[in-house]
Amino acid sequence: MVKSESKLKKSKKIGILGGAFDPIHMGHLLLAEYALGEFELDRVVFLPYNISVSKEPPQASSQDRLNMLKLATMDNPSLSVSDIEIKRGGISFSYETLRTFKKEEPKDETSFLIGSDAFSELKSWKNYKSLIGMTRFIVAVRPGTKVKSIKGAKYDRLLIPQIAISSSSLRNRAESGFSLRYLVPDKVRDYIVNFRLYR
């Protein structure tokens, strides 16, 4: 008796990294790379949100943010990009996205990559109890940082180098005409310059 392809398919360990990525920068990529190695993940999925309930709308269009993400990850087969939240439209909620991931790949083990500050605010997220029931968290921390425990949430600490790069500071640099070299991948920098983003 031959087993079906679905039964033969091996489960994978997937990391999910959400955000505006407006633009993606070396700090995001460094976090993904450290998580891949430290937790032996098969893949990290970059997940740009459409609209955040708690943040200003992204300055770059959804398509530009997707294009920059694809350029930044194209040379690494362990990184990929999902447009699930952008296609869904409206306000993006992580519990809805995780539920979709679980439905499409029920055997995969998902981990949600998140900074320690955002993790400490998890109780303010919509249906956070549903979210913590579906995934384990990988909490990125800097040396000396403590993680605030959230009841019911399973998490591991990921120690990452302290690199002071933020998307908002990069947008300000681009607006002022300053170089983004070594702060974003070269392909992303060229894209920002060629399409005059953030100017």
Protein backbone atom coordinates (compact mmCIF):
# COMPACT_ATOMS: atom_id res chain seq x y z
CA MET A 1 0.00 0.00 0.00
CA VAL A 2 1.45 3.36 -1.08
CA LYS A 3 1.12 6.24 1.36
CA SER A 4 -0.33 9.48 0.08
CA GLU A 5 2.01 12.42 -0.58
CA SER A 6 0.46 14.38 2.32
CA LYS A 7 1.31 11.59 4.76
CA LEU A 8 4.86 11.34 3.47
CA LYS A 9 5.47 15.06 3.74
CA LYS A 10 7.89 15.88 6.53
CA SER A 11 6.91 18.54 9.03
CA LYS A 12 9.04 21.67 9.12
CA LYS A 13 10.02 24.24 11.72
CA ILE A 14 8.89 27.63 10.48
CA GLY A 15 9.66 31.02 11.97
CA ILE A 16 7.26 33.89 11.27
CA LEU A 17 8.51 37.46 11.39
CA GLY A 18 5.86 40.14 11.00
CA GLY A 19 6.14 43.89 10.65
CA ALA A 20 5.74 46.87 8.36
CA PHE A 21 9.20 46.43 6.78
CA ASP A 22 9.08 50.06 5.67
CA PRO A 23 11.83 49.40 4.67
CA ILE A 24 13.35 46.06 5.59
CA HIS A 25 16.86 46.52 7.01
CA MET A 26 19.88 44.60 8.22
CA GLY A 27 18.46 44.30 11.74
CA HIS A 28 15.48 42.31 10.43
CA LEU A 29 17.74 40.03 8.41
CA LEU A 30 20.12 39.53 11.31
CA LEU A 31 17.24 38.49 13.56
CA ALA A 32 16.05 35.96 10.98
CA GLU A 33 19.57 34.56 10.50
CA TYR A 34 20.17 34.15 14.24
CA ALA A 35 16.79 32.43 14.67
CA LEU A 36 17.51 30.04 11.81
CA GLY A 37 20.75 28.91 13.40
CA GLU A 38 19.87 28.99 17.09
CA PHE A 39 16.58 27.10 16.77
CA GLU A 40 17.39 25.02 13.68
CA LEU A 41 14.46 26.45 11.74
CA ASP A 42 13.87 25.25 8.19
CA ARG A 43 12.63 28.64 7.07
CA VAL A 44 11.78 32.15 8.25
CA VAL A 45 8.79 33.80 6.61
CA PHE A 46 8.71 37.60 6.43
CA LEU A 47 5.13 38.72 6.83
CA PRO A 48 4.41 42.39 6.04
CA TYR A 49 1.17 43.62 7.55
CA ASN A 50 -1.41 45.56 5.59
CA ILE A 51 -2.59 47.97 8.29
CA SER A 52 -1.64 47.89 11.96
CA VAL A 53 -4.24 48.71 14.61
CA SER A 54 -1.61 50.46 16.75
CA LYS A 55 0.79 52.09 14.27
CA GLU A 56 0.76 54.71 11.55
CA PRO A 57 0.13 53.40 8.01
CA PRO A 58 3.34 52.48 6.15
CA GLN A 59 4.76 55.22 3.93
CA ALA A 60 5.74 52.86 1.11
CA SER A 61 2.98 51.05 -0.76
CA SER A 62 2.23 47.41 -0.07
CA GLN A 63 3.72 46.47 -3.44
CA ASP A 64 6.93 48.41 -2.80
CA ARG A 65 7.34 46.79 0.62
CA LEU A 66 6.81 43.34 -0.90
CA ASN A 67 9.27 44.08 -3.69
CA MET A 68 11.94 45.22 -1.21
CA LEU A 69 11.40 42.11 0.92
CA LYS A 70 11.77 39.85 -2.10
CA LEU A 71 14.96 41.62 -3.14
CA ALA A 72 16.37 41.33 0.39
CA THR A 73 15.66 37.60 0.72
CA MET A 74 16.17 36.31 -2.82
CA ASP A 75 19.73 35.10 -2.19
CA ASN A 76 18.84 33.04 0.89
CA PRO A 77 16.71 29.90 0.27
CA SER A 78 15.89 29.74 4.00
CA LEU A 79 14.02 33.07 3.83
CA SER A 80 10.70 33.69 2.12
CA VAL A 81 7.98 36.35 1.91
CA SER A 82 4.23 35.97 2.41
CA ASP A 83 1.64 38.47 1.17
CA ILE A 84 -1.21 36.80 3.08
CA GLU A 85 -2.04 39.84 5.25
CA ILE A 86 -1.79 42.30 2.36
CA LYS A 87 -4.07 40.15 0.20
CA ARG A 88 -6.57 39.82 3.04
CA GLY A 89 -6.74 43.62 3.31
CA GLY A 90 -8.01 45.68 6.20
CA ILE A 91 -6.40 45.58 9.64
CA SER A 92 -3.93 42.74 10.10
CA PHE A 93 -4.35 40.50 13.13
CA SER A 94 -1.70 37.90 13.95
CA TYR A 95 -4.13 35.32 15.32
CA GLU A 96 -5.98 35.26 11.98
CA THR A 97 -2.73 34.81 10.09
CA LEU A 98 -1.48 32.01 12.34
CA ARG A 99 -4.82 30.26 12.00
CA THR A 100 -4.45 30.35 8.21
CA PHE A 101 -0.88 29.03 8.42
CA LYS A 102 -2.03 26.18 10.65
CA LYS A 103 -4.86 25.31 8.28
CA GLU A 104 -2.58 25.23 5.23
CA GLU A 105 0.31 23.37 6.89
CA PRO A 106 -1.09 21.62 9.98
CA LYS A 107 2.02 19.48 10.51
CA ASP A 108 4.48 22.37 10.55
CA GLU A 109 5.74 23.72 13.86
CA THR A 110 5.50 27.51 13.89
CA SER A 111 7.43 29.97 16.02
CA PHE A 112 6.57 33.66 16.15
CA LEU A 113 9.63 35.94 16.13
CA ILE A 114 9.07 39.04 18.22
CA GLY A 115 11.01 41.72 20.08
CA SER A 116 10.92 41.80 23.87
CA ASP A 117 9.06 45.15 23.93
CA ALA A 118 6.28 43.86 21.67
CA PHE A 119 6.10 40.59 23.60
CA SER A 120 5.51 42.49 26.84
CA GLU A 121 2.45 44.12 25.22
CA LEU A 122 1.01 40.84 23.93
CA LYS A 123 -2.09 41.07 26.13
CA SER A 124 -3.19 44.15 24.19
CA TRP A 125 -3.29 42.19 20.92
CA LYS A 126 -6.67 41.10 19.61
CA ASN A 127 -7.51 37.52 20.68
CA TYR A 128 -4.03 37.10 22.15
CA LYS A 129 -5.11 33.95 24.03
CA SER A 130 -5.96 32.32 20.72
CA LEU A 131 -2.57 33.36 19.35
CA ILE A 132 -0.53 31.98 22.27
CA GLY A 133 -2.43 28.72 21.99
CA MET A 134 -1.27 28.26 18.40
CA THR A 135 2.43 29.10 18.51
CA ARG A 136 5.62 29.33 20.47
CA PHE A 137 7.42 32.68 20.60
CA ILE A 138 11.06 33.40 19.94
CA VAL A 139 11.71 36.63 21.83
CA ALA A 140 14.65 38.68 20.58
CA VAL A 141 16.50 40.31 23.45
CA ARG A 142 19.60 42.42 23.82
CA PRO A 143 22.25 41.64 26.47
CA GLY A 144 20.90 42.36 29.96
CA THR A 145 17.27 42.57 28.84
CA LYS A 146 14.63 40.74 30.86
CA VAL A 147 11.55 39.17 29.29
CA LYS A 148 8.18 39.85 30.90
CA SER A 149 6.35 36.53 31.15
CA ILE A 150 2.85 36.30 29.72
CA LYS A 151 0.62 33.69 31.37
CA GLY A 152 0.10 30.77 29.03
CA ALA A 153 2.67 31.90 26.46
CA LYS A 154 5.51 29.53 25.63
CA TYR A 155 8.69 31.31 24.63
CA ASP A 156 12.44 31.06 24.17
CA ARG A 157 14.95 33.90 24.40
CA LEU A 158 17.13 34.75 21.42
CA LEU A 159 20.16 36.87 22.21
CA ILE A 160 20.97 39.18 19.30
CA PRO A 161 23.68 41.82 18.78
CA GLN A 162 22.72 45.37 19.66
CA ILE A 163 22.38 47.19 16.35
CA ALA A 164 20.59 50.53 16.50
CA ILE A 165 18.76 50.52 13.17
CA SER A 166 15.10 51.39 12.78
CA SER A 167 12.95 51.74 9.70
CA SER A 168 11.86 55.22 10.81
CA SER A 169 15.48 56.41 11.02
CA LEU A 170 16.14 55.00 7.55
CA ARG A 171 13.12 56.81 6.13
CA ASN A 172 14.45 60.05 7.65
CA ARG A 173 17.88 59.44 6.12
CA ALA A 174 16.36 58.76 2.71
CA GLU A 175 14.20 61.89 2.96
CA SER A 176 17.31 63.95 3.73
CA GLY A 177 19.24 62.40 0.86
CA PHE A 178 21.70 60.49 3.05
CA SER A 179 23.11 57.10 2.07
CA LEU A 180 21.55 53.84 3.26
CA ARG A 181 24.65 51.83 2.38
CA TYR A 182 25.40 49.04 4.91
CA LEU A 183 22.04 49.68 6.61
CA VAL A 184 19.90 47.87 4.05
CA PRO A 185 20.85 45.27 1.40
CA ASP A 186 22.31 46.83 -1.74
CA LYS A 187 19.36 45.72 -3.89
CA VAL A 188 16.96 47.39 -1.45
CA ARG A 189 19.03 50.57 -1.37
CA ASP A 190 19.02 50.71 -5.19
CA TYR A 191 15.26 50.17 -5.23
CA ILE A 192 14.67 53.01 -2.77
CA VAL A 193 16.90 55.35 -4.79
CA ASN A 194 15.51 54.37 -8.21
CA PHE A 195 11.88 54.74 -7.18
CA ARG A 196 12.56 57.75 -4.97
CA LEU A 197 10.85 56.23 -1.96
CA TYR A 198 10.56 58.29 1.23
CA ARG A 199 11.45 61.49 -0.60
